[in-house]
Amino acid sequence: MPRQPSRRARITATVAAHTLRPITRMVPGNALGLAFTRGVLAGSLHAFGTRSRSTVIPVDEPVLDSGRVVGEWVRPRHLDADAARTDAVILYIHGSAYVGCSTSTHRGLVSRIAEQTGLDVFSVEYRLAPRHVFPAAVDDVARAHGWLLDQGVSPHRIILMGDSAGGHLAVDLALHLVRSHEAPPAALAVFSPLVDHSFALSRRRERLRPDPLVTAADAQRLIDRYVGHTDITHPRLTHVFAAGEVLPPTLIQAGGGEMLVADAHALHDALAAAGTPVTLEVWPGQIHVFQAMPRLVPEADAALRRATDFVTRAAARARLSVVDDASGSGMSA
């Protein structure tokens, strides 16, 4: 990892601090303001990300609980588009404060993950606030996980990934599975995860170094549209890890220039204290979810390569584990 941000990263942060951050301060908190915010998020990811190079297969299927699973398979180019995959797969959960973005906006990032790991990625679409408040996103992510199991994917071969609010949803799903005594995923990898819905950590951080993209107060206003009237101490919003609540191996990446780096540190410390093998990477000077913007900063590709290497190793361990279990029981893998 670099010790200092690249020149392009420093320029990006400076320009954002003098343009995007002041603009977001003036955005009204009504429907028009939300539409503007969604447009900025989508436009930024399309402009500074990359186009999908993978095979994309839309999914919109009913499930037994009368809900629907909506999303898309993103499959590496070298794989047959019609081939059913039952080995390791990635469940990716996009972010953007539960109010914006989609599988479409994150398709470039997810495609790079698929190509670098050689794994199928199911990018899940979840219902957005303010129309759909907590626990809509939680339910949709859990439904997608159950649907993968119904497709024949072993629970031990599912790897969870997510960014920002999607990082929170990924950790939440893994913790829920552990607490429910269900099979956990093989690993987690999260980018700039949201941890503290009160934004107390972010406020303390921004007193030391303001986030170049947004203030803690403005970010909280977006998050509050999802939280609604629910107390933020709800166990599916504020995660308190008890001793022995060990999650699978976890990688956390965050930018050193963003306020959610405080959340990343808090998540790392909580997981480590509970016994989870966890690695935290703070990339100097980087903005929120910089991995999604390789046209903007060169560190995006380097960080994503480290994350996909982590995922590839986790997938290999999962395959070996299943083979060992099958051999021990006299079954063929």
C-alpha atoms as a PDB file:
ATOM      1  CA  MET A   1       0.000   0.000   0.000  1.00  0.00           C
ATOM      2  CA  PRO A   2       1.208   3.549  -0.703  1.00  0.00           C
ATOM      3  CA  ARG A   3       2.228   5.767   2.194  1.00  0.00           C
ATOM      4  CA  GLN A   4       1.045   8.922   0.463  1.00  0.00           C
ATOM      5  CA  PRO A   5      -1.863   9.612  -1.918  1.00  0.00           C
ATOM      6  CA  SER A   6      -1.082  10.069  -5.586  1.00  0.00           C
ATOM      7  CA  ARG A   7      -1.082  13.534  -7.123  1.00  0.00           C
ATOM      8  CA  ARG A   8      -4.371  12.734  -8.876  1.00  0.00           C
ATOM      9  CA  ALA A   9      -5.923  11.666  -5.572  1.00  0.00           C
ATOM     10  CA  ARG A  10      -4.877  14.927  -3.913  1.00  0.00           C
ATOM     11  CA  ILE A  11      -6.270  16.963  -6.812  1.00  0.00           C
ATOM     12  CA  THR A  12      -9.519  14.980  -6.725  1.00  0.00           C
ATOM     13  CA  ALA A  13     -10.027  15.645  -3.020  1.00  0.00           C
ATOM     14  CA  THR A  14      -9.230  19.324  -3.385  1.00  0.00           C
ATOM     15  CA  VAL A  15     -11.560  19.834  -6.348  1.00  0.00           C
ATOM     16  CA  ALA A  16     -14.378  17.922  -4.618  1.00  0.00           C
ATOM     17  CA  ALA A  17     -13.972  19.971  -1.443  1.00  0.00           C
ATOM     18  CA  HIS A  18     -14.362  23.213  -3.402  1.00  0.00           C
ATOM     19  CA  THR A  19     -17.173  22.084  -5.719  1.00  0.00           C
ATOM     20  CA  LEU A  20     -19.173  19.013  -4.774  1.00  0.00           C
ATOM     21  CA  ARG A  21     -19.200  19.557  -1.026  1.00  0.00           C
ATOM     22  CA  PRO A  22     -20.556  23.130  -1.230  1.00  0.00           C
ATOM     23  CA  ILE A  23     -23.143  22.047  -3.793  1.00  0.00           C
ATOM     24  CA  THR A  24     -24.437  19.250  -1.559  1.00  0.00           C
ATOM     25  CA  ARG A  25     -24.806  21.762   1.270  1.00  0.00           C
ATOM     26  CA  MET A  26     -27.303  23.707  -0.864  1.00  0.00           C
ATOM     27  CA  VAL A  27     -29.398  20.728  -1.988  1.00  0.00           C
ATOM     28  CA  PRO A  28     -32.918  20.931  -0.514  1.00  0.00           C
ATOM     29  CA  GLY A  29     -34.166  18.061   1.603  1.00  0.00           C
ATOM     30  CA  ASN A  30     -37.242  17.459  -0.568  1.00  0.00           C
ATOM     31  CA  ALA A  31     -38.010  15.114  -3.460  1.00  0.00           C
ATOM     32  CA  LEU A  32     -36.257  17.412  -5.926  1.00  0.00           C
ATOM     33  CA  GLY A  33     -33.132  17.422  -3.785  1.00  0.00           C
ATOM     34  CA  LEU A  34     -33.184  13.636  -3.529  1.00  0.00           C
ATOM     35  CA  ALA A  35     -33.523  13.327  -7.308  1.00  0.00           C
ATOM     36  CA  PHE A  36     -30.535  15.658  -7.710  1.00  0.00           C
ATOM     37  CA  THR A  37     -28.489  13.588  -5.270  1.00  0.00           C
ATOM     38  CA  ARG A  38     -29.321  10.386  -7.100  1.00  0.00           C
ATOM     39  CA  GLY A  39     -28.316  11.989 -10.376  1.00  0.00           C
ATOM     40  CA  VAL A  40     -24.974  13.141  -8.997  1.00  0.00           C
ATOM     41  CA  LEU A  41     -24.217   9.691  -7.575  1.00  0.00           C
ATOM     42  CA  ALA A  42     -25.127   7.885 -10.775  1.00  0.00           C
ATOM     43  CA  GLY A  43     -23.342  10.399 -12.974  1.00  0.00           C
ATOM     44  CA  SER A  44     -20.143  10.227 -10.943  1.00  0.00           C
ATOM     45  CA  LEU A  45     -20.009   6.435 -11.021  1.00  0.00           C
ATOM     46  CA  HIS A  46     -20.663   6.310 -14.761  1.00  0.00           C
ATOM     47  CA  ALA A  47     -18.184   9.088 -15.539  1.00  0.00           C
ATOM     48  CA  PHE A  48     -15.298   7.929 -13.367  1.00  0.00           C
ATOM     49  CA  GLY A  49     -15.901   4.184 -13.341  1.00  0.00           C
ATOM     50  CA  THR A  50     -15.583   1.724 -16.186  1.00  0.00           C
ATOM     51  CA  ARG A  51     -18.064   0.015 -18.472  1.00  0.00           C
ATOM     52  CA  SER A  52     -19.009  -3.554 -17.758  1.00  0.00           C
ATOM     53  CA  ARG A  53     -16.930  -6.075 -19.681  1.00  0.00           C
ATOM     54  CA  SER A  54     -18.811  -9.057 -18.307  1.00  0.00           C
ATOM     55  CA  THR A  55     -21.934 -10.945 -19.277  1.00  0.00           C
ATOM     56  CA  VAL A  56     -24.946  -9.446 -17.487  1.00  0.00           C
ATOM     57  CA  ILE A  57     -28.039 -11.582 -16.862  1.00  0.00           C
ATOM     58  CA  PRO A  58     -31.032  -9.776 -15.313  1.00  0.00           C
ATOM     59  CA  VAL A  59     -32.960 -11.517 -12.542  1.00  0.00           C
ATOM     60  CA  ASP A  60     -36.499 -10.746 -11.366  1.00  0.00           C
ATOM     61  CA  GLU A  61     -38.088 -13.761  -9.735  1.00  0.00           C
ATOM     62  CA  PRO A  62     -40.832 -14.356  -7.163  1.00  0.00           C
ATOM     63  CA  VAL A  63     -39.938 -16.334  -4.053  1.00  0.00           C
ATOM     64  CA  LEU A  64     -41.975 -18.307  -1.567  1.00  0.00           C
ATOM     65  CA  ASP A  65     -42.533 -15.467   0.916  1.00  0.00           C
ATOM     66  CA  SER A  66     -44.404 -13.491  -1.774  1.00  0.00           C
ATOM     67  CA  GLY A  67     -41.466 -11.153  -2.233  1.00  0.00           C
ATOM     68  CA  ARG A  68     -39.214 -10.886  -5.254  1.00  0.00           C
ATOM     69  CA  VAL A  69     -35.510 -11.235  -5.864  1.00  0.00           C
ATOM     70  CA  VAL A  70     -34.313  -8.512  -8.209  1.00  0.00           C
ATOM     71  CA  GLY A  71     -30.766  -8.038  -9.402  1.00  0.00           C
ATOM     72  CA  GLU A  72     -28.368  -9.329 -12.004  1.00  0.00           C
ATOM     73  CA  TRP A  73     -25.750 -11.970 -12.477  1.00  0.00           C
ATOM     74  CA  VAL A  74     -22.457 -10.499 -13.614  1.00  0.00           C
ATOM     75  CA  ARG A  75     -20.428 -13.293 -15.161  1.00  0.00           C
ATOM     76  CA  PRO A  76     -16.790 -13.219 -16.339  1.00  0.00           C
ATOM     77  CA  ARG A  77     -16.507 -13.104 -20.124  1.00  0.00           C
ATOM     78  CA  HIS A  78     -14.787 -16.482 -20.445  1.00  0.00           C
ATOM     79  CA  LEU A  79     -17.704 -18.346 -18.842  1.00  0.00           C
ATOM     80  CA  ASP A  80     -20.711 -19.712 -20.684  1.00  0.00           C
ATOM     81  CA  ALA A  81     -23.617 -17.313 -20.186  1.00  0.00           C
ATOM     82  CA  ASP A  82     -26.018 -20.247 -19.716  1.00  0.00           C
ATOM     83  CA  ALA A  83     -23.839 -22.289 -17.390  1.00  0.00           C
ATOM     84  CA  ALA A  84     -25.320 -22.842 -13.930  1.00  0.00           C
ATOM     85  CA  ARG A  85     -22.751 -22.091 -11.266  1.00  0.00           C
ATOM     86  CA  THR A  86     -22.869 -23.922  -7.951  1.00  0.00           C
ATOM     87  CA  ASP A  87     -19.315 -23.213  -6.822  1.00  0.00           C
ATOM     88  CA  ALA A  88     -18.197 -20.039  -5.045  1.00  0.00           C
ATOM     89  CA  VAL A  89     -20.169 -16.916  -5.898  1.00  0.00           C
ATOM     90  CA  ILE A  90     -20.134 -13.336  -4.661  1.00  0.00           C
ATOM     91  CA  LEU A  91     -23.210 -11.550  -3.350  1.00  0.00           C
ATOM     92  CA  TYR A  92     -22.596  -7.836  -3.929  1.00  0.00           C
ATOM     93  CA  ILE A  93     -24.633  -5.141  -2.153  1.00  0.00           C
ATOM     94  CA  HIS A  94     -24.352  -1.612  -3.514  1.00  0.00           C
ATOM     95  CA  GLY A  95     -24.318   1.461  -1.307  1.00  0.00           C
ATOM     96  CA  SER A  96     -25.311   5.149  -1.407  1.00  0.00           C
ATOM     97  CA  ALA A  97     -27.155   5.839   1.834  1.00  0.00           C
ATOM     98  CA  TYR A  98     -30.050   3.443   1.125  1.00  0.00           C
ATOM     99  CA  VAL A  99     -31.556   6.125  -1.140  1.00  0.00           C
ATOM    100  CA  GLY A 100     -29.586   6.029  -4.380  1.00  0.00           C
ATOM    101  CA  CYS A 101     -27.698   3.928  -6.890  1.00  0.00           C
ATOM    102  CA  SER A 102     -28.549   0.516  -8.240  1.00  0.00           C
ATOM    103  CA  THR A 103     -27.079  -2.530  -9.899  1.00  0.00           C
ATOM    104  CA  SER A 104     -26.738  -0.377 -13.026  1.00  0.00           C
ATOM    105  CA  THR A 105     -24.612   2.320 -11.387  1.00  0.00           C
ATOM    106  CA  HIS A 106     -22.343  -0.307  -9.804  1.00  0.00           C
ATOM    107  CA  ARG A 107     -22.119  -2.586 -12.847  1.00  0.00           C
ATOM    108  CA  GLY A 108     -18.661  -1.352 -13.797  1.00  0.00           C
ATOM    109  CA  LEU A 109     -17.253  -2.039 -10.322  1.00  0.00           C
ATOM    110  CA  VAL A 110     -18.968  -5.407 -10.067  1.00  0.00           C
ATOM    111  CA  SER A 111     -17.730  -6.353 -13.538  1.00  0.00           C
ATOM    112  CA  ARG A 112     -14.150  -5.652 -12.513  1.00  0.00           C
ATOM    113  CA  ILE A 113     -14.656  -7.857  -9.453  1.00  0.00           C
ATOM    114  CA  ALA A 114     -16.052 -10.681 -11.600  1.00  0.00           C
ATOM    115  CA  GLU A 115     -13.226 -10.478 -14.127  1.00  0.00           C
ATOM    116  CA  GLN A 116     -10.477 -10.346 -11.505  1.00  0.00           C
ATOM    117  CA  THR A 117     -11.828 -13.180  -9.352  1.00  0.00           C
ATOM    118  CA  GLY A 118     -13.214 -15.343 -12.155  1.00  0.00           C
ATOM    119  CA  LEU A 119     -16.379 -15.752 -10.070  1.00  0.00           C
ATOM    120  CA  ASP A 120     -20.011 -15.097 -10.787  1.00  0.00           C
ATOM    121  CA  VAL A 121     -21.328 -12.097  -8.879  1.00  0.00           C
ATOM    122  CA  PHE A 122     -24.975 -11.649  -7.985  1.00  0.00           C
ATOM    123  CA  SER A 123     -25.534  -7.918  -7.610  1.00  0.00           C
ATOM    124  CA  VAL A 124     -28.741  -7.485  -5.624  1.00  0.00           C
ATOM    125  CA  GLU A 125     -31.251  -4.699  -6.078  1.00  0.00           C
ATOM    126  CA  TYR A 126     -32.956  -3.622  -2.877  1.00  0.00           C
ATOM    127  CA  ARG A 127     -35.846  -1.243  -2.306  1.00  0.00           C
ATOM    128  CA  LEU A 128     -34.792   2.335  -1.660  1.00  0.00           C
ATOM    129  CA  ALA A 129     -35.842   4.992   0.821  1.00  0.00           C
ATOM    130  CA  PRO A 130     -37.770   7.136   1.387  1.00  0.00           C
ATOM    131  CA  ARG A 131     -40.497   5.037  -0.180  1.00  0.00           C
ATOM    132  CA  HIS A 132     -39.192   1.924   1.543  1.00  0.00           C
ATOM    133  CA  VAL A 133     -37.795   2.339   5.046  1.00  0.00           C
ATOM    134  CA  PHE A 134     -36.018  -0.019   7.427  1.00  0.00           C
ATOM    135  CA  PRO A 135     -36.031  -3.018   7.314  1.00  0.00           C
ATOM    136  CA  ALA A 136     -36.836  -3.153   3.574  1.00  0.00           C
ATOM    137  CA  ALA A 137     -33.187  -3.306   2.471  1.00  0.00           C
ATOM    138  CA  VAL A 138     -32.358  -5.868   5.186  1.00  0.00           C
ATOM    139  CA  ASP A 139     -35.229  -8.088   4.038  1.00  0.00           C
ATOM    140  CA  ASP A 140     -34.296  -7.832   0.357  1.00  0.00           C
ATOM    141  CA  VAL A 141     -30.665  -8.755   0.989  1.00  0.00           C
ATOM    142  CA  ALA A 142     -31.681 -11.725   3.163  1.00  0.00           C
ATOM    143  CA  ARG A 143     -34.114 -12.821   0.455  1.00  0.00           C
ATOM    144  CA  ALA A 144     -31.343 -12.694  -2.151  1.00  0.00           C
ATOM    145  CA  HIS A 145     -29.094 -14.831   0.068  1.00  0.00           C
ATOM    146  CA  GLY A 146     -31.858 -17.401   0.542  1.00  0.00           C
ATOM    147  CA  TRP A 147     -32.494 -17.411  -3.201  1.00  0.00           C
ATOM    148  CA  LEU A 148     -28.830 -18.225  -3.869  1.00  0.00           C
ATOM    149  CA  LEU A 149     -29.136 -21.206  -1.545  1.00  0.00           C
ATOM    150  CA  ASP A 150     -32.225 -22.296  -3.476  1.00  0.00           C
ATOM    151  CA  GLN A 151     -30.145 -22.138  -6.671  1.00  0.00           C
ATOM    152  CA  GLY A 152     -27.876 -24.812  -5.225  1.00  0.00           C
ATOM    153  CA  VAL A 153     -25.037 -22.596  -4.002  1.00  0.00           C
ATOM    154  CA  SER A 154     -23.469 -23.918  -0.805  1.00  0.00           C
ATOM    155  CA  PRO A 155     -23.734 -21.337   2.015  1.00  0.00           C
ATOM    156  CA  HIS A 156     -20.027 -21.886   2.700  1.00  0.00           C
ATOM    157  CA  ARG A 157     -19.215 -20.773  -0.841  1.00  0.00           C
ATOM    158  CA  ILE A 158     -20.969 -17.410  -0.730  1.00  0.00           C
ATOM    159  CA  ILE A 159     -18.709 -14.385  -0.336  1.00  0.00           C
ATOM    160  CA  LEU A 160     -20.315 -11.113   0.736  1.00  0.00           C
ATOM    161  CA  MET A 161     -19.149  -7.774  -0.626  1.00  0.00           C
ATOM    162  CA  GLY A 162     -20.590  -4.283  -0.362  1.00  0.00           C
ATOM    163  CA  ASP A 163     -19.804  -0.605  -0.200  1.00  0.00           C
ATOM    164  CA  SER A 164     -20.993   2.149   2.130  1.00  0.00           C
ATOM    165  CA  ALA A 165     -24.550   1.300   3.271  1.00  0.00           C
ATOM    166  CA  GLY A 166     -24.131  -1.940   1.333  1.00  0.00           C
ATOM    167  CA  GLY A 167     -21.146  -2.713   3.534  1.00  0.00           C
ATOM    168  CA  HIS A 168     -23.384  -2.345   6.570  1.00  0.00           C
ATOM    169  CA  LEU A 169     -25.944  -4.678   5.005  1.00  0.00           C
ATOM    170  CA  ALA A 170     -23.241  -7.253   4.252  1.00  0.00           C
ATOM    171  CA  VAL A 171     -21.987  -7.270   7.836  1.00  0.00           C
ATOM    172  CA  ASP A 172     -25.575  -7.343   9.100  1.00  0.00           C
ATOM    173  CA  LEU A 173     -26.410 -10.413   7.020  1.00  0.00           C
ATOM    174  CA  ALA A 174     -23.300 -12.267   8.178  1.00  0.00           C
ATOM    175  CA  LEU A 175     -23.981 -11.426  11.825  1.00  0.00           C
ATOM    176  CA  HIS A 176     -27.638 -12.426  11.496  1.00  0.00           C
ATOM    177  CA  LEU A 177     -26.619 -15.816  10.081  1.00  0.00           C
ATOM    178  CA  VAL A 178     -24.217 -16.381  12.978  1.00  0.00           C
ATOM    179  CA  ARG A 179     -26.819 -15.394  15.555  1.00  0.00           C
ATOM    180  CA  SER A 180     -29.416 -17.621  13.874  1.00  0.00           C
ATOM    181  CA  HIS A 181     -26.974 -20.558  13.943  1.00  0.00           C
ATOM    182  CA  GLU A 182     -27.073 -20.754  10.162  1.00  0.00           C
ATOM    183  CA  ALA A 183     -24.079 -21.419   7.949  1.00  0.00           C
ATOM    184  CA  PRO A 184     -22.030 -18.230   7.569  1.00  0.00           C
ATOM    185  CA  PRO A 185     -20.543 -17.013   4.282  1.00  0.00           C
ATOM    186  CA  ALA A 186     -16.976 -17.829   3.318  1.00  0.00           C
ATOM    187  CA  ALA A 187     -15.713 -14.254   3.726  1.00  0.00           C
ATOM    188  CA  LEU A 188     -16.609 -10.566   3.696  1.00  0.00           C
ATOM    189  CA  ALA A 189     -14.973  -7.677   1.865  1.00  0.00           C
ATOM    190  CA  VAL A 190     -16.403  -4.198   2.382  1.00  0.00           C
ATOM    191  CA  PHE A 191     -15.495  -0.763   1.055  1.00  0.00           C
ATOM    192  CA  SER A 192     -16.040   2.351   3.220  1.00  0.00           C
ATOM    193  CA  PRO A 193     -18.686   0.584   5.322  1.00  0.00           C
ATOM    194  CA  LEU A 194     -21.303   2.559   7.184  1.00  0.00           C
ATOM    195  CA  VAL A 195     -21.330   1.485  10.832  1.00  0.00           C
ATOM    196  CA  ASP A 196     -22.667   4.329  12.943  1.00  0.00           C
ATOM    197  CA  HIS A 197     -26.117   5.549  11.845  1.00  0.00           C
ATOM    198  CA  SER A 198     -25.955   8.380  14.395  1.00  0.00           C
ATOM    199  CA  PHE A 199     -22.865   9.753  12.609  1.00  0.00           C
ATOM    200  CA  ALA A 200     -21.247  10.561  15.954  1.00  0.00           C
ATOM    201  CA  LEU A 201     -18.024   8.920  14.762  1.00  0.00           C
ATOM    202  CA  SER A 202     -18.144  10.885  11.515  1.00  0.00           C
ATOM    203  CA  ARG A 203     -18.688  14.171  13.332  1.00  0.00           C
ATOM    204  CA  ARG A 204     -15.653  13.592  15.513  1.00  0.00           C
ATOM    205  CA  ARG A 205     -13.639  12.690  12.435  1.00  0.00           C
ATOM    206  CA  GLU A 206     -14.684  15.752  10.434  1.00  0.00           C
ATOM    207  CA  ARG A 207     -13.562  18.049  13.247  1.00  0.00           C
ATOM    208  CA  LEU A 208     -10.071  16.746  12.517  1.00  0.00           C
ATOM    209  CA  ARG A 209     -10.412  16.559   8.722  1.00  0.00           C
ATOM    210  CA  PRO A 210     -13.548  17.407   6.741  1.00  0.00           C
ATOM    211  CA  ASP A 211     -14.720  14.857   4.195  1.00  0.00           C
ATOM    212  CA  PRO A 212     -14.225  16.379   0.709  1.00  0.00           C
ATOM    213  CA  LEU A 213     -17.540  15.024  -0.569  1.00  0.00           C
ATOM    214  CA  VAL A 214     -20.167  15.620   2.104  1.00  0.00           C
ATOM    215  CA  THR A 215     -20.713  16.723   5.699  1.00  0.00           C
ATOM    216  CA  ALA A 216     -21.805  14.337   8.418  1.00  0.00           C
ATOM    217  CA  ALA A 217     -25.022  16.310   8.881  1.00  0.00           C
ATOM    218  CA  ASP A 218     -25.958  16.051   5.191  1.00  0.00           C
ATOM    219  CA  ALA A 219     -25.119  12.354   5.076  1.00  0.00           C
ATOM    220  CA  GLN A 220     -27.229  11.708   8.156  1.00  0.00           C
ATOM    221  CA  ARG A 221     -30.217  13.436   6.579  1.00  0.00           C
ATOM    222  CA  LEU A 222     -30.067  10.904   3.759  1.00  0.00           C
ATOM    223  CA  ILE A 223     -29.668   7.947   6.112  1.00  0.00           C
ATOM    224  CA  ASP A 224     -32.577   9.164   8.252  1.00  0.00           C
ATOM    225  CA  ARG A 225     -34.877   8.719   5.264  1.00  0.00           C
ATOM    226  CA  TYR A 226     -34.233   4.979   5.566  1.00  0.00           C
ATOM    227  CA  VAL A 227     -34.073   4.683   9.357  1.00  0.00           C
ATOM    228  CA  GLY A 228     -37.407   6.484   9.703  1.00  0.00           C
ATOM    229  CA  HIS A 229     -38.853   6.217  13.195  1.00  0.00           C
ATOM    230  CA  THR A 230     -36.769   3.190  14.157  1.00  0.00           C
ATOM    231  CA  ASP A 231     -34.434   3.635  17.106  1.00  0.00           C
ATOM    232  CA  ILE A 232     -30.876   3.493  15.758  1.00  0.00           C
ATOM    233  CA  THR A 233     -29.937   1.189  18.634  1.00  0.00           C
ATOM    234  CA  HIS A 234     -31.997  -1.528  16.921  1.00  0.00           C
ATOM    235  CA  PRO A 235     -29.687  -4.569  16.680  1.00  0.00           C
ATOM    236  CA  ARG A 236     -29.978  -4.623  12.887  1.00  0.00           C
ATOM    237  CA  LEU A 237     -28.803  -0.992  12.732  1.00  0.00           C
ATOM    238  CA  THR A 238     -26.272  -0.812  15.564  1.00  0.00           C
ATOM    239  CA  HIS A 239     -24.180  -3.960  15.708  1.00  0.00           C
ATOM    240  CA  VAL A 240     -22.832  -4.894  19.118  1.00  0.00           C
ATOM    241  CA  PHE A 241     -20.676  -7.991  18.773  1.00  0.00           C
ATOM    242  CA  ALA A 242     -20.672 -10.312  21.739  1.00  0.00           C
ATOM    243  CA  ALA A 243     -17.679 -12.459  22.589  1.00  0.00           C
ATOM    244  CA  GLY A 244     -17.760 -15.533  20.396  1.00  0.00           C
ATOM    245  CA  GLU A 245     -19.852 -13.935  17.636  1.00  0.00           C
ATOM    246  CA  VAL A 246     -17.107 -14.608  15.147  1.00  0.00           C
ATOM    247  CA  LEU A 247     -17.655 -13.657  11.517  1.00  0.00           C
ATOM    248  CA  PRO A 248     -15.762 -15.164   8.584  1.00  0.00           C
ATOM    249  CA  PRO A 249     -12.432 -13.625   7.504  1.00  0.00           C
ATOM    250  CA  THR A 250     -13.105  -9.971   6.728  1.00  0.00           C
ATOM    251  CA  LEU A 251     -11.347  -7.290   4.708  1.00  0.00           C
ATOM    252  CA  ILE A 252     -12.228  -3.630   5.278  1.00  0.00           C
ATOM    253  CA  GLN A 253     -10.969  -0.899   2.958  1.00  0.00           C
ATOM    254  CA  ALA A 254     -11.539   2.808   3.515  1.00  0.00           C
ATOM    255  CA  GLY A 255     -10.168   6.095   2.261  1.00  0.00           C
ATOM    256  CA  GLY A 256      -8.006   8.149   4.581  1.00  0.00           C
ATOM    257  CA  GLY A 257      -9.730  11.326   3.429  1.00  0.00           C
ATOM    258  CA  GLU A 258     -13.310  10.292   4.177  1.00  0.00           C
ATOM    259  CA  MET A 259     -15.274  10.622   7.394  1.00  0.00           C
ATOM    260  CA  LEU A 260     -16.352   6.961   7.318  1.00  0.00           C
ATOM    261  CA  VAL A 261     -12.763   5.943   7.956  1.00  0.00           C
ATOM    262  CA  ALA A 262     -13.798   6.321  11.604  1.00  0.00           C
ATOM    263  CA  ASP A 263     -16.528   3.741  11.032  1.00  0.00           C
ATOM    264  CA  ALA A 264     -14.010   1.423   9.380  1.00  0.00           C
ATOM    265  CA  HIS A 265     -11.757   1.601  12.433  1.00  0.00           C
ATOM    266  CA  ALA A 266     -14.712   0.992  14.755  1.00  0.00           C
ATOM    267  CA  LEU A 267     -15.850  -2.041  12.763  1.00  0.00           C
ATOM    268  CA  HIS A 268     -12.333  -3.468  12.692  1.00  0.00           C
ATOM    269  CA  ASP A 269     -11.923  -3.081  16.444  1.00  0.00           C
ATOM    270  CA  ALA A 270     -15.340  -4.611  17.192  1.00  0.00           C
ATOM    271  CA  LEU A 271     -14.756  -7.606  14.941  1.00  0.00           C
ATOM    272  CA  ALA A 272     -11.247  -8.189  16.252  1.00  0.00           C
ATOM    273  CA  ALA A 273     -12.431  -8.012  19.855  1.00  0.00           C
ATOM    274  CA  ALA A 274     -15.066 -10.674  19.142  1.00  0.00           C
ATOM    275  CA  GLY A 275     -12.472 -12.965  17.557  1.00  0.00           C
ATOM    276  CA  THR A 276     -13.028 -12.411  13.830  1.00  0.00           C
ATOM    277  CA  PRO A 277      -9.889 -12.532  11.653  1.00  0.00           C
ATOM    278  CA  VAL A 278     -10.092  -9.045  10.152  1.00  0.00           C
ATOM    279  CA  THR A 279      -7.818  -6.800   8.120  1.00  0.00           C
ATOM    280  CA  LEU A 280      -8.232  -3.040   7.815  1.00  0.00           C
ATOM    281  CA  GLU A 281      -6.658  -1.104   4.949  1.00  0.00           C
ATOM    282  CA  VAL A 282      -6.802   2.690   5.095  1.00  0.00           C
ATOM    283  CA  TRP A 283      -5.664   4.167   1.787  1.00  0.00           C
ATOM    284  CA  PRO A 284      -4.063   7.578   2.348  1.00  0.00           C
ATOM    285  CA  GLY A 285      -5.987  10.587   1.094  1.00  0.00           C
ATOM    286  CA  GLN A 286      -8.688   8.611  -0.709  1.00  0.00           C
ATOM    287  CA  ILE A 287     -12.349   9.580  -0.937  1.00  0.00           C
ATOM    288  CA  HIS A 288     -15.444   7.505  -0.239  1.00  0.00           C
ATOM    289  CA  VAL A 289     -15.582   4.221  -2.238  1.00  0.00           C
ATOM    290  CA  PHE A 290     -12.669   5.302  -4.423  1.00  0.00           C
ATOM    291  CA  GLN A 291     -12.389   1.713  -5.702  1.00  0.00           C
ATOM    292  CA  ALA A 292     -15.353   2.432  -7.991  1.00  0.00           C
ATOM    293  CA  MET A 293     -13.603   5.302  -9.800  1.00  0.00           C
ATOM    294  CA  PRO A 294     -10.457   4.052 -11.573  1.00  0.00           C
ATOM    295  CA  ARG A 295     -10.613   6.877 -14.119  1.00  0.00           C
ATOM    296  CA  LEU A 296     -10.255   9.338 -11.278  1.00  0.00           C
ATOM    297  CA  VAL A 297      -7.499   7.886  -9.074  1.00  0.00           C
ATOM    298  CA  PRO A 298      -4.860   5.235  -9.816  1.00  0.00           C
ATOM    299  CA  GLU A 299      -5.234   3.746  -6.330  1.00  0.00           C
ATOM    300  CA  ALA A 300      -8.687   2.438  -7.302  1.00  0.00           C
ATOM    301  CA  ASP A 301      -7.267  -0.432  -9.341  1.00  0.00           C
ATOM    302  CA  ALA A 302      -4.565  -1.250  -6.800  1.00  0.00           C
ATOM    303  CA  ALA A 303      -7.024  -1.400  -3.917  1.00  0.00           C
ATOM    304  CA  LEU A 304      -9.547  -3.460  -5.851  1.00  0.00           C
ATOM    305  CA  ARG A 305      -6.830  -5.919  -6.863  1.00  0.00           C
ATOM    306  CA  ARG A 306      -5.965  -6.439  -3.182  1.00  0.00           C
ATOM    307  CA  ALA A 307      -9.646  -6.972  -2.405  1.00  0.00           C
ATOM    308  CA  THR A 308     -10.166  -9.448  -5.235  1.00  0.00           C
ATOM    309  CA  ASP A 309      -7.009 -11.327  -4.256  1.00  0.00           C
ATOM    310  CA  PHE A 310      -8.504 -11.644  -0.756  1.00  0.00           C
ATOM    311  CA  VAL A 311     -11.771 -12.921  -2.260  1.00  0.00           C
ATOM    312  CA  THR A 312      -9.978 -15.367  -4.566  1.00  0.00           C
ATOM    313  CA  ARG A 313      -8.089 -16.866  -1.631  1.00  0.00           C
ATOM    314  CA  ALA A 314     -11.331 -17.134   0.348  1.00  0.00           C
ATOM    315  CA  ALA A 315     -13.024 -18.919  -2.551  1.00  0.00           C
ATOM    316  CA  ALA A 316     -10.135 -21.375  -2.801  1.00  0.00           C
ATOM    317  CA  ARG A 317     -10.352 -22.122   0.922  1.00  0.00           C
ATOM    318  CA  ALA A 318     -14.094 -22.655   0.597  1.00  0.00           C
ATOM    319  CA  ARG A 319     -13.664 -25.124  -2.253  1.00  0.00           C
ATOM    320  CA  LEU A 320     -11.030 -27.074  -0.332  1.00  0.00           C
ATOM    321  CA  SER A 321     -13.226 -27.135   2.761  1.00  0.00           C
ATOM    322  CA  VAL A 322     -16.166 -28.577   0.859  1.00  0.00           C
ATOM    323  CA  VAL A 323     -13.955 -31.187  -0.807  1.00  0.00           C
ATOM    324  CA  ASP A 324     -12.509 -32.195   2.580  1.00  0.00           C
ATOM    325  CA  ASP A 325     -15.989 -32.490   4.103  1.00  0.00           C
ATOM    326  CA  ALA A 326     -17.202 -34.586   1.190  1.00  0.00           C
ATOM    327  CA  SER A 327     -14.146 -36.862   1.331  1.00  0.00           C
ATOM    328  CA  GLY A 328     -14.583 -37.378   5.053  1.00  0.00           C
ATOM    329  CA  SER A 329     -18.190 -38.468   4.560  1.00  0.00           C
ATOM    330  CA  GLY A 330     -17.424 -40.714   1.587  1.00  0.00           C
ATOM    331  CA  MET A 331     -19.202 -38.416  -0.851  1.00  0.00           C
ATOM    332  CA  SER A 332     -17.843 -36.993  -4.088  1.00  0.00           C
ATOM    333  CA  ALA A 333     -17.429 -33.212  -4.229  1.00  0.00           C
END
